Amino acid sequence: MFDLVLRGGTVLDGTGRAGFSADIAVKDGRIAAIGNLSRAKSHESVDVDGLVIAPGFIDTHSHDDRYVLSDPDVPAKISQGITTVVTGNCGISLAPALAGKRALAPLDILGDSQDFRFERFVHYIEALDATPAAVNVYPLVGLTTLRVREVATLDAPAQSTEITNMRRLCEEALSAGALGVSIGTFYPPASAATADEIVAVLEPLRQFGGMLATHLRDETDYVIDSIDEALEIAKKLSARLIISHHKVAGVSNHGRSPETLAHIARAAIKQPVAMDVYPYAASSTTLRYERVVISTATYVTSSGALPQYDGWNLIDIACALECSIKEAVDRLQPARATYRLMSESDVDAIVSSSQSMIATDGLPHDRCPHPRLWGAFPRVLAAYVREKAALTLPAAIHKMTGLSARQFGLKDRGEIAIEKWADLCVFDSATVADRATVEHPTQAATGIEHVLVNGVFALKKGKQTGRHGGRRVLPSECAFRSPPRAKR
């Protein structure tokens, strides 16, 4: 007797292979049978005739560290078919606590100083386990968090004692269950960190294994140099590298995606490296004047000082304040913004690349977030499969599921196969689409009918169920993690 049978769907199994008609049975949270199950008995049966059954989507780059605790329904993710989120990106993780320091930008994308309440990473892990969310969580620890906590002078390289302290915290986090580390030298609190400092702090990756995700030092004129720096750091640490939200930003760099993609492809022959991307020509991060001047449009997504201007175009804010753009940027702080920085053709090339995975990189605590938070995955299916025909449906599903699982070492997720966890997204391929816009950024997608996480319906007939079937991904479930070596 099965717990559930989904009957009559077209299965796209996440491998990139063509779809096939089959029923899928679930028992004890895992996929128990695939095929013609017309005679099978089950406690529940759901007709999905005319719909696609795919693995649940894997958001390889999120900032959901606090979101999965503060709103465990995680509607922005479940509503678009996401069943697993990778947290702690761009060097920013919610733990360990900041030891009385202020949550400087970019840490403030996760919350105020009081939100960094987990003294050690193990305490964050315990919170994830005690209050599961609707999605699975793949946690990383962020180097910038460690740096803000331990380094006295952030605009200078760390001292030897500070490096020792950060290394100890990194080892603690990996031992507690972090599945890798992220770095974000683009941001001021970490920009003074040299490659040697980073390698020294992240030395525990050699012992534990795990991912190294990087927000590159520069994604504009020096993007190639920044890729090379990240590759060298990963090589010295024997770590698998993920280049986060790959882009070529600024008008002077439009058209460089063939160069960067070829560069990464050559590197991948020599060492493990992959990339993720969100399918939009606008980025979103802290409000910085040097970013404004290379953008064709800037919208404020959240201002601590002047929240009445959340969602406004920066030019209109400057006019309302009767001041210069530079002064408006200063007066809005602390603030975050959406920038139109990339060319559509470069985004199309990166999204369509066989090397890229899909991510949201959404900021769930912004009052007027970038539309990618609610729409990235359905946008790929609508814009890149149906409208542009840049991807086949099996290829798109692969880069949102099976490819992501392989690159992040997820042993039992990302594909529809017997004994895999029943993380499933059932959708209408003819109507699935993103609805989130700059003006209305929190609108849920259309066409997502059912979402199961570990066999539990998180979304049923397009409505959230309030059930939280998610779980933390354990080190034993990650192919690239190894148990710590015994200390001599």
Protein backbone atom coordinates (compact mmCIF):
# COMPACT_ATOMS: atom_id res chain seq x y z
CA MET A 1 0.00 0.00 0.00
CA PHE A 2 1.50 3.28 -1.15
CA ASP A 3 0.98 6.58 0.65
CA LEU A 4 0.30 8.45 -2.60
CA VAL A 5 0.07 7.84 -6.32
CA LEU A 6 0.29 10.67 -8.87
CA ARG A 7 -1.55 9.34 -11.89
CA GLY A 8 -1.27 10.18 -15.56
CA GLY A 9 1.50 12.79 -15.74
CA THR A 10 4.38 13.32 -18.13
CA VAL A 11 7.57 12.63 -16.21
CA LEU A 12 10.66 14.74 -16.82
CA ASP A 13 13.11 12.98 -14.55
CA GLY A 14 15.74 15.72 -14.21
CA THR A 15 18.42 13.98 -16.29
CA GLY A 16 17.72 15.93 -19.47
CA ARG A 17 16.08 12.95 -21.15
CA ALA A 18 12.79 13.32 -23.00
CA GLY A 19 9.60 13.03 -21.00
CA PHE A 20 7.55 9.85 -20.69
CA SER A 21 4.09 8.99 -19.44
CA ALA A 22 4.01 7.31 -16.04
CA ASP A 23 2.40 7.19 -12.63
CA ILE A 24 4.57 7.85 -9.58
CA ALA A 25 4.05 6.24 -6.19
CA VAL A 26 5.35 7.64 -2.91
CA LYS A 27 5.89 5.78 0.35
CA ASP A 28 7.61 6.99 3.52
CA GLY A 29 8.72 10.17 1.83
CA ARG A 30 10.52 8.49 -1.06
CA ILE A 31 9.66 7.52 -4.62
CA ALA A 32 8.57 3.89 -4.42
CA ALA A 33 7.42 3.05 -7.96
CA ILE A 34 7.32 4.56 -11.47
CA GLY A 35 5.26 3.22 -14.36
CA ASN A 36 1.76 1.97 -15.01
CA LEU A 37 0.33 1.81 -11.51
CA SER A 38 -3.33 1.62 -12.48
CA ARG A 39 -3.86 -1.38 -10.18
CA ALA A 40 -1.78 -0.05 -7.32
CA LYS A 41 -3.47 0.70 -4.03
CA SER A 42 -2.72 3.86 -2.11
CA HIS A 43 -4.05 5.98 0.71
CA GLU A 44 -4.30 8.94 -1.67
CA SER A 45 -4.48 9.24 -5.43
CA VAL A 46 -4.15 12.49 -7.41
CA ASP A 47 -4.96 12.81 -11.12
CA VAL A 48 -2.21 14.82 -12.87
CA ASP A 49 -3.18 13.98 -16.43
CA GLY A 50 -1.93 16.69 -18.81
CA LEU A 51 0.61 17.97 -16.32
CA VAL A 52 4.38 17.60 -16.04
CA ILE A 53 5.91 15.84 -13.03
CA ALA A 54 9.44 17.08 -12.43
CA PRO A 55 11.86 16.88 -9.52
CA GLY A 56 11.45 19.74 -7.09
CA PHE A 57 13.52 22.73 -8.14
CA ILE A 58 16.81 23.43 -6.33
CA ASP A 59 17.58 27.07 -5.59
CA THR A 60 21.37 26.97 -5.66
CA HIS A 61 21.77 30.55 -4.44
CA SER A 62 19.41 31.95 -1.82
CA HIS A 63 19.53 34.30 1.14
CA ASP A 64 16.85 32.36 3.02
CA ASP A 65 18.88 31.77 6.20
CA ARG A 66 16.38 33.63 8.38
CA TYR A 67 13.38 33.28 6.06
CA VAL A 68 13.14 29.51 6.64
CA LEU A 69 12.84 30.21 10.38
CA SER A 70 10.71 33.37 10.42
CA ASP A 71 8.24 32.17 7.75
CA PRO A 72 8.61 28.39 7.47
CA ASP A 73 5.90 28.24 4.80
CA VAL A 74 8.49 30.01 2.56
CA PRO A 75 5.77 31.04 0.09
CA ALA A 76 8.15 32.80 -2.30
CA LYS A 77 9.89 29.49 -2.92
CA ILE A 78 7.17 26.85 -2.63
CA SER A 79 4.88 28.82 -4.96
CA GLN A 80 7.43 28.49 -7.78
CA GLY A 81 8.20 24.81 -7.24
CA ILE A 82 11.41 25.11 -5.21
CA THR A 83 11.92 22.31 -2.71
CA THR A 84 15.57 22.83 -1.65
CA VAL A 85 17.41 26.09 -0.95
CA VAL A 86 21.14 26.68 -0.55
CA THR A 87 21.63 29.30 2.17
CA GLY A 88 24.60 31.31 3.47
CA ASN A 89 25.68 32.73 0.12
CA CYS A 90 27.85 35.73 -0.85
CA GLY A 91 29.83 35.37 2.37
CA ILE A 92 26.69 36.10 4.38
CA SER A 93 25.35 33.56 6.88
CA LEU A 94 23.11 34.07 9.89
CA ALA A 95 25.58 32.31 12.17
CA PRO A 96 27.81 32.57 14.06
CA ALA A 97 26.67 35.66 15.99
CA LEU A 98 28.53 38.93 15.53
CA ALA A 99 29.83 39.20 19.12
CA GLY A 100 28.22 42.56 19.71
CA LYS A 101 29.18 44.00 16.32
CA ARG A 102 26.67 45.80 14.10
CA ALA A 103 25.18 43.93 11.14
CA LEU A 104 27.00 45.98 8.51
CA ALA A 105 25.90 45.82 4.89
CA PRO A 106 25.68 43.31 3.30
CA LEU A 107 24.93 41.26 6.43
CA ASP A 108 21.84 43.39 6.96
CA ILE A 109 20.12 41.65 4.05
CA LEU A 110 19.42 38.89 6.59
CA GLY A 111 18.25 41.21 9.35
CA ASP A 112 19.40 43.47 12.15
CA SER A 113 22.11 42.66 14.68
CA GLN A 114 19.60 41.00 17.00
CA ASP A 115 18.67 38.55 14.24
CA PHE A 116 22.22 37.19 14.35
CA ARG A 117 21.32 35.42 17.58
CA PHE A 118 23.05 32.08 17.13
CA GLU A 119 26.30 32.22 19.07
CA ARG A 120 27.74 29.26 17.15
CA PHE A 121 26.82 27.68 13.84
CA VAL A 122 25.70 24.57 15.66
CA HIS A 123 22.94 26.62 17.31
CA TYR A 124 21.63 27.62 13.88
CA ILE A 125 21.71 23.97 12.82
CA GLU A 126 19.75 23.03 15.94
CA ALA A 127 17.11 25.66 15.08
CA LEU A 128 16.75 24.27 11.55
CA ASP A 129 16.24 20.78 12.95
CA ALA A 130 13.83 21.88 15.69
CA THR A 131 11.53 23.89 13.39
CA PRO A 132 11.63 22.43 9.87
CA ALA A 133 10.44 24.61 7.01
CA ALA A 134 8.44 23.66 3.95
CA VAL A 135 11.72 23.37 2.00
CA ASN A 136 14.95 21.47 2.50
CA VAL A 137 17.92 23.58 3.59
CA TYR A 138 21.51 23.15 2.37
CA PRO A 139 23.49 25.47 4.69
CA LEU A 140 26.79 27.25 3.97
CA VAL A 141 28.79 29.38 6.39
CA GLY A 142 29.79 32.85 5.19
CA LEU A 143 33.31 34.27 5.38
CA THR A 144 32.05 37.86 5.67
CA THR A 145 30.08 36.93 8.78
CA LEU A 146 33.25 35.50 10.31
CA ARG A 147 35.23 38.56 9.28
CA VAL A 148 32.79 41.09 10.75
CA ARG A 149 32.80 39.12 13.99
CA GLU A 150 36.56 38.70 14.38
CA VAL A 151 38.43 41.40 12.41
CA ALA A 152 38.99 44.74 14.14
CA THR A 153 39.94 46.73 11.03
CA LEU A 154 37.77 45.55 8.15
CA ASP A 155 39.43 47.72 5.51
CA ALA A 156 42.75 45.92 6.05
CA PRO A 157 43.90 42.30 5.81
CA ALA A 158 43.25 40.24 8.91
CA GLN A 159 45.95 39.79 11.54
CA SER A 160 47.32 36.34 12.32
CA THR A 161 45.29 35.95 15.53
CA GLU A 162 42.14 37.03 13.68
CA ILE A 163 42.83 34.46 10.97
CA THR A 164 43.26 31.79 13.63
CA ASN A 165 39.94 32.74 15.24
CA MET A 166 38.10 32.72 11.91
CA ARG A 167 39.64 29.37 10.97
CA ARG A 168 38.43 27.91 14.26
CA LEU A 169 34.88 29.19 13.63
CA CYS A 170 34.98 27.82 10.09
CA GLU A 171 36.00 24.41 11.42
CA GLU A 172 33.24 24.56 14.04
CA ALA A 173 30.63 25.37 11.38
CA LEU A 174 31.72 22.55 9.07
CA SER A 175 31.80 20.13 11.98
CA ALA A 176 28.29 21.24 13.00
CA GLY A 177 26.79 20.64 9.56
CA ALA A 178 27.66 23.49 7.19
CA LEU A 179 28.09 21.88 3.77
CA GLY A 180 30.59 24.43 2.54
CA VAL A 181 31.69 28.04 2.69
CA SER A 182 30.82 31.14 0.72
CA ILE A 183 32.94 34.23 0.10
CA GLY A 184 31.92 37.69 -1.05
CA THR A 185 34.95 39.91 -1.63
CA PHE A 186 32.79 42.27 -3.70
CA TYR A 187 31.46 43.73 -0.44
CA PRO A 188 33.45 46.21 1.71
CA PRO A 189 33.66 44.06 4.89
CA ALA A 190 35.51 41.37 2.91
CA SER A 191 37.10 43.30 0.05
CA ALA A 192 40.38 43.75 1.97
CA ALA A 193 40.71 40.00 2.43
CA THR A 194 43.58 38.73 0.31
CA ALA A 195 43.55 35.37 -1.43
CA ASP A 196 46.14 34.15 1.08
CA GLU A 197 43.94 35.22 3.99
CA ILE A 198 40.94 33.42 2.51
CA VAL A 199 42.90 30.22 1.95
CA ALA A 200 44.23 30.34 5.51
CA VAL A 201 40.80 30.88 7.05
CA LEU A 202 39.13 28.20 4.94
CA GLU A 203 41.80 25.57 5.52
CA PRO A 204 39.21 23.29 7.24
CA LEU A 205 37.61 22.68 3.82
CA ARG A 206 40.53 20.36 3.09
CA GLN A 207 39.57 18.22 6.06
CA PHE A 208 35.79 18.26 5.70
CA GLY A 209 35.28 18.72 1.98
CA GLY A 210 32.30 20.74 0.79
CA MET A 211 31.42 23.53 -1.59
CA LEU A 212 33.10 26.90 -2.08
CA ALA A 213 30.65 29.46 -3.48
CA THR A 214 31.88 32.91 -4.46
CA HIS A 215 30.42 36.30 -5.20
CA LEU A 216 33.36 37.40 -7.32
CA ARG A 217 35.49 40.36 -6.31
CA ASP A 218 34.50 42.09 -9.55
CA GLU A 219 31.82 41.30 -12.15
CA THR A 220 32.59 44.28 -14.37
CA ASP A 221 35.90 45.24 -16.04
CA TYR A 222 38.00 42.76 -14.05
CA VAL A 223 35.64 39.80 -14.21
CA ILE A 224 38.24 37.47 -15.79
CA ASP A 225 40.82 38.35 -13.15
CA SER A 226 38.23 37.74 -10.45
CA ILE A 227 37.29 34.35 -11.90
CA ASP A 228 40.98 33.42 -11.92
CA GLU A 229 41.38 34.48 -8.29
CA ALA A 230 38.43 32.32 -7.24
CA LEU A 231 39.73 29.37 -9.26
CA GLU A 232 43.14 29.64 -7.60
CA ILE A 233 41.62 29.81 -4.10
CA ALA A 234 39.49 26.74 -4.80
CA LYS A 235 42.46 24.88 -6.25
CA LYS A 236 44.59 25.56 -3.17
CA LEU A 237 41.76 24.31 -0.96
CA SER A 238 40.97 21.29 -3.18
CA ALA A 239 37.38 22.56 -3.17
CA ARG A 240 34.59 22.50 -5.74
CA LEU A 241 33.88 26.05 -6.88
CA ILE A 242 30.51 27.61 -7.62
CA ILE A 243 30.61 31.02 -9.29
CA SER A 244 27.53 32.73 -7.91
CA HIS A 245 25.03 34.61 -10.09
CA HIS A 246 27.43 34.82 -13.03
CA LYS A 247 27.14 38.02 -15.00
CA VAL A 248 29.06 40.66 -16.94
CA ALA A 249 27.90 43.99 -15.55
CA GLY A 250 28.06 47.55 -16.82
CA VAL A 251 27.48 48.82 -20.35
CA SER A 252 31.20 48.70 -21.17
CA ASN A 253 31.15 44.94 -20.56
CA HIS A 254 28.00 44.05 -22.45
CA GLY A 255 28.73 41.29 -24.93
CA ARG A 256 31.52 39.65 -22.91
CA SER A 257 29.57 36.55 -21.90
CA PRO A 258 31.09 34.37 -24.67
CA GLU A 259 34.52 35.29 -23.26
CA THR A 260 33.65 34.46 -19.66
CA LEU A 261 31.75 31.29 -20.51
CA ALA A 262 34.66 30.00 -22.60
CA HIS A 263 37.07 30.89 -19.81
CA ILE A 264 35.05 28.95 -17.24
CA ALA A 265 34.64 26.00 -19.62
CA ARG A 266 38.43 25.78 -20.07
CA ALA A 267 38.92 25.92 -16.31
CA ALA A 268 36.35 23.14 -15.81
CA ILE A 269 38.61 20.75 -17.71
CA LYS A 270 41.24 21.15 -14.98
CA GLN A 271 39.19 21.55 -11.80
CA PRO A 272 35.56 21.26 -10.63
CA VAL A 273 33.80 24.57 -11.27
CA ALA A 274 30.19 25.48 -12.05
CA MET A 275 28.01 28.57 -12.01
CA ASP A 276 24.49 29.68 -11.28
CA VAL A 277 22.46 32.52 -12.79
CA TYR A 278 19.13 34.27 -12.32
CA PRO A 279 17.19 34.96 -15.55
CA TYR A 280 17.01 38.77 -15.35
CA ALA A 281 19.06 41.66 -16.71
CA ALA A 282 18.75 43.52 -13.38
CA SER A 283 20.73 42.70 -10.25
CA SER A 284 19.88 43.43 -6.62
CA THR A 285 22.16 44.14 -3.68
CA THR A 286 23.17 46.92 -1.31
CA LEU A 287 22.68 50.49 -2.54
CA ARG A 288 26.11 51.75 -3.64
CA TYR A 289 26.80 54.85 -5.68
CA GLU A 290 29.54 53.17 -7.74
CA ARG A 291 26.91 50.65 -8.80
CA VAL A 292 24.38 53.35 -9.64
CA VAL A 293 26.71 55.10 -12.09
CA ILE A 294 27.13 51.98 -14.25
CA SER A 295 23.40 51.15 -14.27
CA THR A 296 20.78 52.28 -16.77
CA ALA A 297 18.12 52.27 -14.02
CA THR A 298 18.12 51.88 -10.23
CA TYR A 299 15.14 51.08 -8.01
CA VAL A 300 15.33 51.16 -4.22
CA THR A 301 14.05 47.90 -2.74
CA SER A 302 14.47 48.79 0.93
CA SER A 303 15.60 51.91 2.83
CA GLY A 304 16.06 51.97 6.58
CA ALA A 305 16.18 55.76 6.75
CA LEU A 306 13.42 56.66 4.26
CA PRO A 307 11.17 53.60 3.84
CA GLN A 308 8.49 55.71 2.14
CA TYR A 309 10.66 55.51 -0.99
CA ASP A 310 10.81 51.71 -1.15
CA GLY A 311 10.05 50.66 -4.71
CA TRP A 312 10.86 54.07 -6.20
CA ASN A 313 13.22 54.84 -9.07
CA LEU A 314 16.32 56.52 -7.62
CA ILE A 315 16.01 59.45 -10.03
CA ASP A 316 12.48 60.14 -8.79
CA ILE A 317 13.70 59.93 -5.18
CA ALA A 318 16.42 62.51 -5.86
CA CYS A 319 13.83 64.80 -7.45
CA ALA A 320 11.48 64.38 -4.47
CA LEU A 321 14.33 65.13 -2.04
CA GLU A 322 15.59 67.98 -4.24
CA CYS A 323 19.15 66.70 -4.12
CA SER A 324 21.77 64.98 -6.26
CA ILE A 325 21.75 61.25 -6.94
CA LYS A 326 24.84 60.86 -4.75
CA GLU A 327 23.21 62.68 -1.84
CA ALA A 328 20.03 60.61 -2.26
CA VAL A 329 22.09 57.43 -2.02
CA ASP A 330 23.66 58.68 1.21
CA ARG A 331 20.37 59.79 2.73
CA LEU A 332 18.64 56.46 2.02
CA GLN A 333 21.20 54.35 3.91
CA PRO A 334 21.10 51.63 5.00
CA ALA A 335 19.47 50.62 1.76
CA ARG A 336 19.31 48.06 -1.00
CA ALA A 337 18.45 48.43 -4.67
CA THR A 338 17.79 46.77 -7.99
CA TYR A 339 20.14 47.79 -10.79
CA ARG A 340 19.72 47.32 -14.51
CA LEU A 341 23.32 46.36 -15.27
CA MET A 342 23.36 43.51 -17.78
CA SER A 343 22.41 43.09 -21.40
CA GLU A 344 19.59 40.71 -22.27
CA SER A 345 21.82 38.91 -24.78
CA ASP A 346 24.44 38.16 -22.12
CA VAL A 347 21.80 36.90 -19.70
CA ASP A 348 20.31 34.75 -22.46
CA ALA A 349 23.72 33.26 -23.24
CA ILE A 350 24.47 32.42 -19.59
CA VAL A 351 21.01 31.02 -18.87
CA SER A 352 21.17 28.90 -22.03
CA SER A 353 24.67 27.60 -21.29
CA SER A 354 24.89 23.92 -20.46
CA GLN A 355 27.20 24.90 -17.58
CA SER A 356 24.69 27.05 -15.67
CA MET A 357 22.22 26.23 -12.93
CA ILE A 358 19.24 28.42 -12.00
CA ALA A 359 19.00 30.42 -8.78
CA THR A 360 16.82 33.16 -7.34
CA ASP A 361 19.39 35.14 -5.30
CA GLY A 362 16.27 36.73 -3.82
CA LEU A 363 16.26 38.97 -0.75
CA PRO A 364 13.16 37.86 1.18
CA HIS A 365 13.31 40.62 3.81
CA ASP A 366 13.24 43.54 1.35
CA ARG A 367 9.93 45.37 1.33
CA CYS A 368 9.96 45.66 -2.49
CA PRO A 369 12.22 42.78 -3.53
CA HIS A 370 13.63 42.01 -6.94
CA PRO A 371 11.04 39.95 -8.89
CA ARG A 372 13.48 37.03 -9.00
CA LEU A 373 12.58 36.16 -5.40
CA TRP A 374 9.12 34.97 -6.50
CA GLY A 375 9.62 34.35 -10.21
CA ALA A 376 13.04 33.05 -11.29
CA PHE A 377 12.21 29.40 -11.97
CA PRO A 378 8.82 29.86 -13.69
CA ARG A 379 10.44 32.63 -15.75
CA VAL A 380 12.87 30.12 -17.22
CA LEU A 381 10.01 27.84 -18.20
CA ALA A 382 7.94 30.66 -19.68
CA ALA A 383 10.56 32.91 -21.29
CA TYR A 384 13.37 30.53 -22.20
CA VAL A 385 11.36 27.43 -23.09
CA ARG A 386 8.05 28.66 -24.50
CA GLU A 387 8.76 32.17 -25.76
CA LYS A 388 12.41 32.23 -26.85
CA ALA A 389 12.82 28.48 -27.46
CA ALA A 390 16.35 28.90 -26.13
CA LEU A 391 16.01 25.73 -24.05
CA THR A 392 14.04 22.53 -24.46
CA LEU A 393 11.80 21.68 -21.54
CA PRO A 394 13.92 18.64 -20.52
CA ALA A 395 17.09 20.78 -20.65
CA ALA A 396 15.51 23.52 -18.54
CA ILE A 397 14.32 21.02 -15.94
CA HIS A 398 17.78 19.43 -15.86
CA LYS A 399 19.53 22.70 -15.07
CA MET A 400 17.01 23.40 -12.28
CA THR A 401 17.20 19.90 -10.75
CA GLY A 402 19.57 17.12 -11.77
CA LEU A 403 22.48 19.36 -12.71
CA SER A 404 22.16 21.31 -9.47
CA ALA A 405 21.98 18.12 -7.41
CA ARG A 406 25.11 16.78 -9.07
CA GLN A 407 27.10 19.99 -8.67
CA PHE A 408 26.14 20.30 -4.99
CA GLY A 409 26.57 16.61 -4.26
CA LEU A 410 22.95 15.92 -3.33
CA LYS A 411 22.86 12.13 -3.38
CA ASP A 412 19.11 11.48 -3.24
CA ARG A 413 17.54 14.55 -4.79
CA GLY A 414 17.25 16.24 -8.16
CA GLU A 415 16.02 13.23 -10.14
CA ILE A 416 12.89 11.12 -10.31
CA ALA A 417 14.07 7.60 -9.59
CA ILE A 418 13.24 4.78 -7.21
CA GLU A 419 14.38 5.47 -3.63
CA LYS A 420 15.06 9.17 -4.26
CA TRP A 421 13.34 11.56 -1.87
CA ALA A 422 9.92 12.54 -3.21
CA ASP A 423 10.68 16.19 -3.89
CA LEU A 424 8.31 16.83 -6.81
CA CYS A 425 6.90 19.77 -8.74
CA VAL A 426 3.79 19.22 -10.83
CA PHE A 427 3.02 22.00 -13.31
CA ASP A 428 1.22 22.92 -16.50
CA SER A 429 3.90 23.46 -19.14
CA ALA A 430 1.49 25.50 -21.29
CA THR A 431 0.64 28.07 -18.63
CA VAL A 432 3.47 28.13 -16.08
CA ALA A 433 4.80 31.67 -15.85
CA ASP A 434 6.24 34.23 -13.48
CA ARG A 435 3.98 37.13 -12.46
CA ALA A 436 6.34 39.09 -10.20
CA THR A 437 7.33 42.49 -11.60
CA VAL A 438 9.23 45.54 -10.38
CA GLU A 439 5.92 47.23 -9.64
CA HIS A 440 4.33 44.12 -8.07
CA PRO A 441 7.27 41.96 -6.97
CA THR A 442 5.55 39.50 -4.63
CA GLN A 443 3.02 37.96 -7.00
CA ALA A 444 3.08 34.17 -7.08
CA ALA A 445 3.64 32.30 -10.31
CA THR A 446 0.88 30.65 -12.30
CA GLY A 447 0.77 27.05 -13.51
CA ILE A 448 2.40 25.38 -10.49
CA GLU A 449 -0.23 22.87 -9.34
CA HIS A 450 1.39 20.65 -6.72
CA VAL A 451 4.67 20.68 -4.79
CA LEU A 452 5.80 17.80 -2.59
CA VAL A 453 8.79 17.92 -0.24
CA ASN A 454 9.92 14.55 1.09
CA GLY A 455 6.52 13.19 0.11
CA VAL A 456 4.55 15.90 1.91
CA PHE A 457 2.28 18.28 -0.01
CA ALA A 458 3.53 21.82 0.56
CA LEU A 459 1.36 23.08 -2.32
CA LYS A 460 -1.80 21.31 -3.47
CA LYS A 461 -4.05 22.47 -6.29
CA GLY A 462 -2.14 25.75 -6.31
CA LYS A 463 -2.69 26.45 -2.61
CA GLN A 464 -0.16 26.19 0.21
CA THR A 465 -1.02 23.52 2.73
CA GLY A 466 0.91 24.86 5.72
CA ARG A 467 2.70 21.53 6.06
CA HIS A 468 6.44 21.58 6.61
CA GLY A 469 8.01 18.47 5.14
CA GLY A 470 11.44 19.99 4.61
CA ARG A 471 14.59 18.93 6.40
CA ARG A 472 18.21 19.97 6.69
CA VAL A 473 20.54 18.28 4.22
CA LEU A 474 23.00 16.28 6.29
CA PRO A 475 26.74 15.97 5.57
CA SER A 476 26.19 12.23 5.01
CA GLU A 477 23.75 13.12 2.21
CA CYS A 478 26.34 15.26 0.41
CA ALA A 479 28.74 13.42 -1.88
CA PHE A 480 31.52 15.96 -1.39
CA ARG A 481 31.58 15.96 2.39
CA SER A 482 33.84 13.64 4.35
CA PRO A 483 33.92 12.91 8.07
CA PRO A 484 36.59 14.84 9.97
CA ARG A 485 39.93 13.14 10.23
CA ALA A 486 40.93 11.99 13.68
CA LYS A 487 43.15 14.50 15.41
CA ARG A 488 46.54 13.24 16.48
